[in-house]
């Protein structure tokens, strides 16, 4: 029996980004992406608080909610 290679492609719509860290963006389903590397960041539990490690700093979900901004679509004049 021969095995065939199968490729699955998933597309996410980005909704908002973190102020001061534009390379970290959230999708509509709530996943955090590092857009520079193209990887999904995993949510962690640190000292009783849920959040994300970005660089060497831990951001709680409450801190992130206060620092989110919607992504605006830039229009190309050409």
PDB file of N, CA and C in Angstrom:
ATOM      1  N   UNK A   1       0.831  -1.159   0.000  1.00  0.00           N
ATOM      2  CA  UNK A   1       0.000   0.000   0.000  1.00  0.00           C
ATOM      3  C   UNK A   1       0.893   1.245   0.000  1.00  0.00           C
ATOM      4  N   UNK A   2       0.661   2.129  -0.946  1.00  0.00           N
ATOM      5  CA  UNK A   2       1.447   3.349  -1.037  1.00  0.00           C
ATOM      6  C   UNK A   2       0.768   4.474  -0.272  1.00  0.00           C
ATOM      7  N   UNK A   3       1.596   5.281   0.351  1.00  0.00           N
ATOM      8  CA  UNK A   3       1.075   6.459   1.045  1.00  0.00           C
ATOM      9  C   UNK A   3       1.237   7.665   0.140  1.00  0.00           C
ATOM     10  N   UNK A   4       0.246   8.505   0.145  1.00  0.00           N
ATOM     11  CA  UNK A   4       0.324   9.729  -0.635  1.00  0.00           C
ATOM     12  C   UNK A   4       0.474  10.908   0.320  1.00  0.00           C
ATOM     13  N   UNK A   5       1.168  11.917  -0.128  1.00  0.00           N
ATOM     14  CA  UNK A   5       1.324  13.116   0.679  1.00  0.00           C
ATOM     15  C   UNK A   5       0.049  13.946   0.600  1.00  0.00           C
ATOM     16  N   UNK A   6      -0.410  14.391   1.746  1.00  0.00           N
ATOM     17  CA  UNK A   6      -1.604  15.200   1.817  1.00  0.00           C
ATOM     18  C   UNK A   6      -1.241  16.542   2.431  1.00  0.00           C
ATOM     19  N   UNK A   7      -1.726  17.611   1.844  1.00  0.00           N
ATOM     20  CA  UNK A   7      -1.462  18.953   2.349  1.00  0.00           C
ATOM     21  C   UNK A   7      -2.781  19.583   2.758  1.00  0.00           C
ATOM     22  N   UNK A   8      -2.788  20.178   3.943  1.00  0.00           N
ATOM     23  CA  UNK A   8      -3.968  20.881   4.439  1.00  0.00           C
ATOM     24  C   UNK A   8      -3.574  22.335   4.643  1.00  0.00           C
ATOM     25  N   UNK A   9      -4.338  23.245   4.090  1.00  0.00           N
ATOM     26  CA  UNK A   9      -4.079  24.667   4.189  1.00  0.00           C
ATOM     27  C   UNK A   9      -5.193  25.318   4.991  1.00  0.00           C
ATOM     28  N   UNK A  10      -4.836  26.064   6.048  1.00  0.00           N
ATOM     29  CA  UNK A  10      -5.813  26.739   6.896  1.00  0.00           C
ATOM     30  C   UNK A  10      -5.582  28.241   6.786  1.00  0.00           C
ATOM     31  N   UNK A  11      -6.660  28.995   6.621  1.00  0.00           N
ATOM     32  CA  UNK A  11      -6.574  30.440   6.508  1.00  0.00           C
ATOM     33  C   UNK A  11      -7.284  31.076   7.697  1.00  0.00           C
ATOM     34  N   UNK A  12      -6.628  32.046   8.351  1.00  0.00           N
ATOM     35  CA  UNK A  12      -7.189  32.761   9.488  1.00  0.00           C
ATOM     36  C   UNK A  12      -7.368  34.230   9.112  1.00  0.00           C
ATOM     37  N   UNK A  13      -8.424  34.850   9.622  1.00  0.00           N
ATOM     38  CA  UNK A  13      -8.644  36.288   9.434  1.00  0.00           C
ATOM     39  C   UNK A  13      -8.171  37.000  10.684  1.00  0.00           C
ATOM     40  N   UNK A  14      -7.239  37.941  10.522  1.00  0.00           N
ATOM     41  CA  UNK A  14      -6.709  38.681  11.653  1.00  0.00           C
ATOM     42  C   UNK A  14      -7.646  39.827  12.000  1.00  0.00           C
ATOM     43  N   UNK A  15      -7.888  39.995  13.309  1.00  0.00           N
ATOM     44  CA  UNK A  15      -8.882  40.957  13.766  1.00  0.00           C
ATOM     45  C   UNK A  15      -8.254  42.150  14.477  1.00  0.00           C
ATOM     46  N   UNK A  16      -7.336  41.913  15.408  1.00  0.00           N
ATOM     47  CA  UNK A  16      -6.749  43.009  16.174  1.00  0.00           C
ATOM     48  C   UNK A  16      -5.298  42.693  16.520  1.00  0.00           C
ATOM     49  N   UNK A  17      -4.571  43.739  16.910  1.00  0.00           N
ATOM     50  CA  UNK A  17      -3.166  43.594  17.249  1.00  0.00           C
ATOM     51  C   UNK A  17      -2.898  44.257  18.592  1.00  0.00           C
ATOM     52  N   UNK A  18      -1.750  43.955  19.175  1.00  0.00           N
ATOM     53  CA  UNK A  18      -1.370  44.512  20.464  1.00  0.00           C
ATOM     54  C   UNK A  18      -0.669  45.841  20.219  1.00  0.00           C
ATOM     55  N   UNK A  19      -1.064  46.872  20.974  1.00  0.00           N
ATOM     56  CA  UNK A  19      -0.425  48.190  20.849  1.00  0.00           C
ATOM     57  C   UNK A  19       1.044  48.071  21.206  1.00  0.00           C
ATOM     58  N   UNK A  20       1.910  48.609  20.377  1.00  0.00           N
ATOM     59  CA  UNK A  20       3.345  48.556  20.609  1.00  0.00           C
ATOM     60  C   UNK A  20       3.997  47.279  20.119  1.00  0.00           C
ATOM     61  N   UNK A  21       3.220  46.256  19.824  1.00  0.00           N
ATOM     62  CA  UNK A  21       3.732  44.984  19.303  1.00  0.00           C
ATOM     63  C   UNK A  21       2.911  44.579  18.081  1.00  0.00           C
ATOM     64  N   UNK A  22       3.063  45.266  16.957  1.00  0.00           N
ATOM     65  CA  UNK A  22       2.192  44.995  15.809  1.00  0.00           C
ATOM     66  C   UNK A  22       2.419  43.642  15.147  1.00  0.00           C
ATOM     67  N   UNK A  23       3.506  42.952  15.479  1.00  0.00           N
ATOM     68  CA  UNK A  23       3.725  41.643  14.869  1.00  0.00           C
ATOM     69  C   UNK A  23       2.927  40.547  15.567  1.00  0.00           C
ATOM     70  N   UNK A  24       2.313  40.847  16.718  1.00  0.00           N
ATOM     71  CA  UNK A  24       1.466  39.887  17.426  1.00  0.00           C
ATOM     72  C   UNK A  24       0.016  40.274  17.200  1.00  0.00           C
ATOM     73  N   UNK A  25      -0.721  39.387  16.511  1.00  0.00           N
ATOM     74  CA  UNK A  25      -2.089  39.694  16.136  1.00  0.00           C
ATOM     75  C   UNK A  25      -3.018  38.541  16.480  1.00  0.00           C
ATOM     76  N   UNK A  26      -4.260  38.900  16.865  1.00  0.00           N
ATOM     77  CA  UNK A  26      -5.279  37.920  17.214  1.00  0.00           C
ATOM     78  C   UNK A  26      -6.191  37.662  16.019  1.00  0.00           C
ATOM     79  N   UNK A  27      -6.658  36.419  15.908  1.00  0.00           N
ATOM     80  CA  UNK A  27      -7.605  36.050  14.866  1.00  0.00           C
ATOM     81  C   UNK A  27      -9.020  36.250  15.390  1.00  0.00           C
ATOM     82  N   UNK A  28     -10.006  36.045  14.524  1.00  0.00           N
ATOM     83  CA  UNK A  28     -11.398  36.153  14.934  1.00  0.00           C
ATOM     84  C   UNK A  28     -11.779  35.043  15.904  1.00  0.00           C
ATOM     85  N   UNK A  29     -11.099  33.910  15.833  1.00  0.00           N
ATOM     86  CA  UNK A  29     -11.410  32.801  16.740  1.00  0.00           C
ATOM     87  C   UNK A  29     -10.617  32.873  18.042  1.00  0.00           C
ATOM     88  N   UNK A  30      -9.763  33.902  18.220  1.00  0.00           N
ATOM     89  CA  UNK A  30      -9.079  34.123  19.482  1.00  0.00           C
ATOM     90  C   UNK A  30      -7.673  33.563  19.588  1.00  0.00           C
ATOM     91  N   UNK A  31      -7.082  33.125  18.497  1.00  0.00           N
ATOM     92  CA  UNK A  31      -5.712  32.611  18.530  1.00  0.00           C
ATOM     93  C   UNK A  31      -4.739  33.761  18.313  1.00  0.00           C
ATOM     94  N   UNK A  32      -3.595  33.693  19.013  1.00  0.00           N
ATOM     95  CA  UNK A  32      -2.570  34.722  18.896  1.00  0.00           C
ATOM     96  C   UNK A  32      -1.475  34.230  17.962  1.00  0.00           C
ATOM     97  N   UNK A  33      -1.166  35.035  16.946  1.00  0.00           N
ATOM     98  CA  UNK A  33      -0.131  34.699  15.972  1.00  0.00           C
ATOM     99  C   UNK A  33       1.030  35.659  16.089  1.00  0.00           C
ATOM    100  N   UNK A  34       2.241  35.133  15.918  1.00  0.00           N
ATOM    101  CA  UNK A  34       3.417  35.960  15.706  1.00  0.00           C
ATOM    102  C   UNK A  34       3.563  36.045  14.193  1.00  0.00           C
ATOM    103  N   UNK A  35       3.253  37.179  13.626  1.00  0.00           N
ATOM    104  CA  UNK A  35       3.231  37.317  12.162  1.00  0.00           C
ATOM    105  C   UNK A  35       4.621  37.349  11.550  1.00  0.00           C
ATOM    106  N   UNK A  36       5.651  37.648  12.333  1.00  0.00           N
ATOM    107  CA  UNK A  36       7.010  37.623  11.794  1.00  0.00           C
ATOM    108  C   UNK A  36       7.448  36.193  11.519  1.00  0.00           C
ATOM    109  N   UNK A  37       7.125  35.266  12.431  1.00  0.00           N
ATOM    110  CA  UNK A  37       7.534  33.878  12.266  1.00  0.00           C
ATOM    111  C   UNK A  37       6.431  33.016  11.681  1.00  0.00           C
ATOM    112  N   UNK A  38       5.178  33.485  11.736  1.00  0.00           N
ATOM    113  CA  UNK A  38       4.058  32.707  11.221  1.00  0.00           C
ATOM    114  C   UNK A  38       3.616  31.592  12.154  1.00  0.00           C
ATOM    115  N   UNK A  39       3.922  31.716  13.430  1.00  0.00           N
ATOM    116  CA  UNK A  39       3.583  30.668  14.398  1.00  0.00           C
ATOM    117  C   UNK A  39       2.472  31.114  15.336  1.00  0.00           C
ATOM    118  N   UNK A  40       1.737  30.120  15.837  1.00  0.00           N
ATOM    119  CA  UNK A  40       0.698  30.361  16.829  1.00  0.00           C
ATOM    120  C   UNK A  40       1.346  30.349  18.203  1.00  0.00           C
ATOM    121  N   UNK A  41       1.014  31.354  19.043  1.00  0.00           N
ATOM    122  CA  UNK A  41       1.492  31.384  20.420  1.00  0.00           C
ATOM    123  C   UNK A  41       0.505  30.606  21.283  1.00  0.00           C
ATOM    124  N   UNK A  42       1.032  29.810  22.206  1.00  0.00           N
ATOM    125  CA  UNK A  42       0.174  29.024  23.080  1.00  0.00           C
ATOM    126  C   UNK A  42      -0.153  29.805  24.347  1.00  0.00           C
ATOM    127  N   UNK A  43      -1.403  29.684  24.774  1.00  0.00           N
ATOM    128  CA  UNK A  43      -1.829  30.328  26.013  1.00  0.00           C
ATOM    129  C   UNK A  43      -1.300  29.520  27.188  1.00  0.00           C
ATOM    130  N   UNK A  44      -0.778  30.208  28.231  1.00  0.00           N
ATOM    131  CA  UNK A  44      -0.143  29.548  29.367  1.00  0.00           C
ATOM    132  C   UNK A  44      -0.808  29.980  30.666  1.00  0.00           C
ATOM    133  N   UNK A  45      -0.588  29.192  31.705  1.00  0.00           N
ATOM    134  CA  UNK A  45      -1.012  29.519  33.059  1.00  0.00           C
ATOM    135  C   UNK A  45       0.235  29.842  33.860  1.00  0.00           C
ATOM    136  N   UNK A  46       0.316  31.058  34.405  1.00  0.00           N
ATOM    137  CA  UNK A  46       1.479  31.486  35.173  1.00  0.00           C
ATOM    138  C   UNK A  46       0.991  32.120  36.477  1.00  0.00           C
ATOM    139  N   UNK A  47       1.276  31.492  37.593  1.00  0.00           N
ATOM    140  CA  UNK A  47       0.917  31.964  38.933  1.00  0.00           C
ATOM    141  C   UNK A  47      -0.582  32.280  39.012  1.00  0.00           C
ATOM    142  N   UNK A  48      -1.406  31.407  38.493  1.00  0.00           N
ATOM    143  CA  UNK A  48      -2.851  31.551  38.596  1.00  0.00           C
ATOM    144  C   UNK A  48      -3.486  32.457  37.565  1.00  0.00           C
ATOM    145  N   UNK A  49      -2.729  32.996  36.638  1.00  0.00           N
ATOM    146  CA  UNK A  49      -3.274  33.879  35.612  1.00  0.00           C
ATOM    147  C   UNK A  49      -2.995  33.304  34.230  1.00  0.00           C
ATOM    148  N   UNK A  50      -4.004  33.357  33.374  1.00  0.00           N
ATOM    149  CA  UNK A  50      -3.827  32.920  32.000  1.00  0.00           C
ATOM    150  C   UNK A  50      -3.310  34.079  31.166  1.00  0.00           C
ATOM    151  N   UNK A  51      -2.431  33.755  30.225  1.00  0.00           N
ATOM    152  CA  UNK A  51      -1.884  34.778  29.357  1.00  0.00           C
ATOM    153  C   UNK A  51      -0.892  34.196  28.371  1.00  0.00           C
ATOM    154  N   UNK A  52      -0.015  35.053  27.851  1.00  0.00           N
ATOM    155  CA  UNK A  52       0.947  34.659  26.832  1.00  0.00           C
ATOM    156  C   UNK A  52       2.334  35.176  27.190  1.00  0.00           C
ATOM    157  N   UNK A  53       3.358  34.392  26.883  1.00  0.00           N
ATOM    158  CA  UNK A  53       4.745  34.836  26.993  1.00  0.00           C
ATOM    159  C   UNK A  53       5.121  35.467  25.662  1.00  0.00           C
ATOM    160  N   UNK A  54       5.429  36.755  25.691  1.00  0.00           N
ATOM    161  CA  UNK A  54       5.870  37.470  24.504  1.00  0.00           C
ATOM    162  C   UNK A  54       7.258  37.996  24.824  1.00  0.00           C
ATOM    163  N   UNK A  55       8.241  37.450  24.149  1.00  0.00           N
ATOM    164  CA  UNK A  55       9.617  37.738  24.502  1.00  0.00           C
ATOM    165  C   UNK A  55       9.909  37.106  25.855  1.00  0.00           C
ATOM    166  N   UNK A  56      10.399  37.887  26.795  1.00  0.00           N
ATOM    167  CA  UNK A  56      10.665  37.385  28.144  1.00  0.00           C
ATOM    168  C   UNK A  56       9.662  37.914  29.159  1.00  0.00           C
ATOM    169  N   UNK A  57       8.580  38.521  28.679  1.00  0.00           N
ATOM    170  CA  UNK A  57       7.579  39.099  29.566  1.00  0.00           C
ATOM    171  C   UNK A  57       6.269  38.334  29.435  1.00  0.00           C
ATOM    172  N   UNK A  58       5.595  38.138  30.572  1.00  0.00           N
ATOM    173  CA  UNK A  58       4.305  37.469  30.587  1.00  0.00           C
ATOM    174  C   UNK A  58       3.204  38.514  30.612  1.00  0.00           C
ATOM    175  N   UNK A  59       2.273  38.433  29.652  1.00  0.00           N
ATOM    176  CA  UNK A  59       1.135  39.334  29.569  1.00  0.00           C
ATOM    177  C   UNK A  59      -0.123  38.553  29.914  1.00  0.00           C
ATOM    178  N   UNK A  60      -0.873  39.016  30.935  1.00  0.00           N
ATOM    179  CA  UNK A  60      -2.121  38.360  31.287  1.00  0.00           C
ATOM    180  C   UNK A  60      -3.188  38.736  30.256  1.00  0.00           C
ATOM    181  N   UNK A  61      -4.272  37.980  30.231  1.00  0.00           N
ATOM    182  CA  UNK A  61      -5.347  38.275  29.286  1.00  0.00           C
ATOM    183  C   UNK A  61      -5.965  39.635  29.568  1.00  0.00           C
ATOM    184  N   UNK A  62      -6.035  40.024  30.838  1.00  0.00           N
ATOM    185  CA  UNK A  62      -6.585  41.335  31.185  1.00  0.00           C
ATOM    186  C   UNK A  62      -5.700  42.455  30.632  1.00  0.00           C
ATOM    187  N   UNK A  63      -4.386  42.316  30.747  1.00  0.00           N
ATOM    188  CA  UNK A  63      -3.477  43.323  30.194  1.00  0.00           C
ATOM    189  C   UNK A  63      -3.604  43.405  28.677  1.00  0.00           C
ATOM    190  N   UNK A  64      -3.743  42.251  28.040  1.00  0.00           N
ATOM    191  CA  UNK A  64      -3.850  42.239  26.579  1.00  0.00           C
ATOM    192  C   UNK A  64      -5.157  42.865  26.100  1.00  0.00           C
ATOM    193  N   UNK A  65      -6.258  42.599  26.816  1.00  0.00           N
ATOM    194  CA  UNK A  65      -7.545  43.171  26.407  1.00  0.00           C
ATOM    195  C   UNK A  65      -7.513  44.698  26.435  1.00  0.00           C
ATOM    196  N   UNK A  66      -6.808  45.248  27.432  1.00  0.00           N
ATOM    197  CA  UNK A  66      -6.728  46.706  27.542  1.00  0.00           C
ATOM    198  C   UNK A  66      -5.838  47.314  26.461  1.00  0.00           C
ATOM    199  N   UNK A  67      -4.930  46.526  25.880  1.00  0.00           N
ATOM    200  CA  UNK A  67      -3.968  47.048  24.910  1.00  0.00           C
ATOM    201  C   UNK A  67      -4.209  46.546  23.490  1.00  0.00           C
ATOM    202  N   UNK A  68      -5.440  46.196  23.156  1.00  0.00           N
ATOM    203  CA  UNK A  68      -5.745  45.739  21.799  1.00  0.00           C
ATOM    204  C   UNK A  68      -6.269  46.891  20.958  1.00  0.00           C
ATOM    205  N   UNK A  69      -5.921  46.857  19.678  1.00  0.00           N
ATOM    206  CA  UNK A  69      -6.451  47.812  18.723  1.00  0.00           C
ATOM    207  C   UNK A  69      -6.830  47.066  17.450  1.00  0.00           C
ATOM    208  N   UNK A  70      -7.904  47.507  16.823  1.00  0.00           N
ATOM    209  CA  UNK A  70      -8.353  46.863  15.593  1.00  0.00           C
ATOM    210  C   UNK A  70      -7.375  47.131  14.467  1.00  0.00           C
ATOM    211  N   UNK A  71      -7.250  46.156  13.599  1.00  0.00           N
ATOM    212  CA  UNK A  71      -6.371  46.289  12.435  1.00  0.00           C
ATOM    213  C   UNK A  71      -7.150  47.030  11.356  1.00  0.00           C
ATOM    214  N   UNK A  72      -6.588  48.129  10.884  1.00  0.00           N
ATOM    215  CA  UNK A  72      -7.246  48.887   9.825  1.00  0.00           C
ATOM    216  C   UNK A  72      -6.684  48.444   8.485  1.00  0.00           C
ATOM    217  N   UNK A  73      -7.556  48.332   7.524  1.00  0.00           N
ATOM    218  CA  UNK A  73      -7.144  47.942   6.172  1.00  0.00           C
ATOM    219  C   UNK A  73      -6.647  49.179   5.446  1.00  0.00           C
ATOM    220  N   UNK A  74      -5.419  49.123   4.987  1.00  0.00           N
ATOM    221  CA  UNK A  74      -4.849  50.235   4.230  1.00  0.00           C
ATOM    222  C   UNK A  74      -5.304  50.117   2.775  1.00  0.00           C
ATOM    223  N   UNK A  75      -5.726  51.238   2.236  1.00  0.00           N
ATOM    224  CA  UNK A  75      -6.162  51.220   0.841  1.00  0.00           C
ATOM    225  C   UNK A  75      -5.011  51.691  -0.032  1.00  0.00           C
ATOM    226  N   UNK A  76      -4.826  50.994  -1.117  1.00  0.00           N
ATOM    227  CA  UNK A  76      -3.765  51.325  -2.060  1.00  0.00           C
ATOM    228  C   UNK A  76      -4.317  52.297  -3.098  1.00  0.00           C
ATOM    229  N   UNK A  77      -3.689  53.460  -3.289  1.00  0.00           N
ATOM    230  CA  UNK A  77      -4.232  54.437  -4.247  1.00  0.00           C
ATOM    231  C   UNK A  77      -3.964  54.056  -5.706  1.00  0.00           C
ATOM    232  N   UNK A  78      -3.238  53.000  -5.965  1.00  0.00           N
ATOM    233  CA  UNK A  78      -2.901  52.621  -7.334  1.00  0.00           C
ATOM    234  C   UNK A  78      -3.741  51.493  -7.814  1.00  0.00           C
TER     235      UNK A  78
END
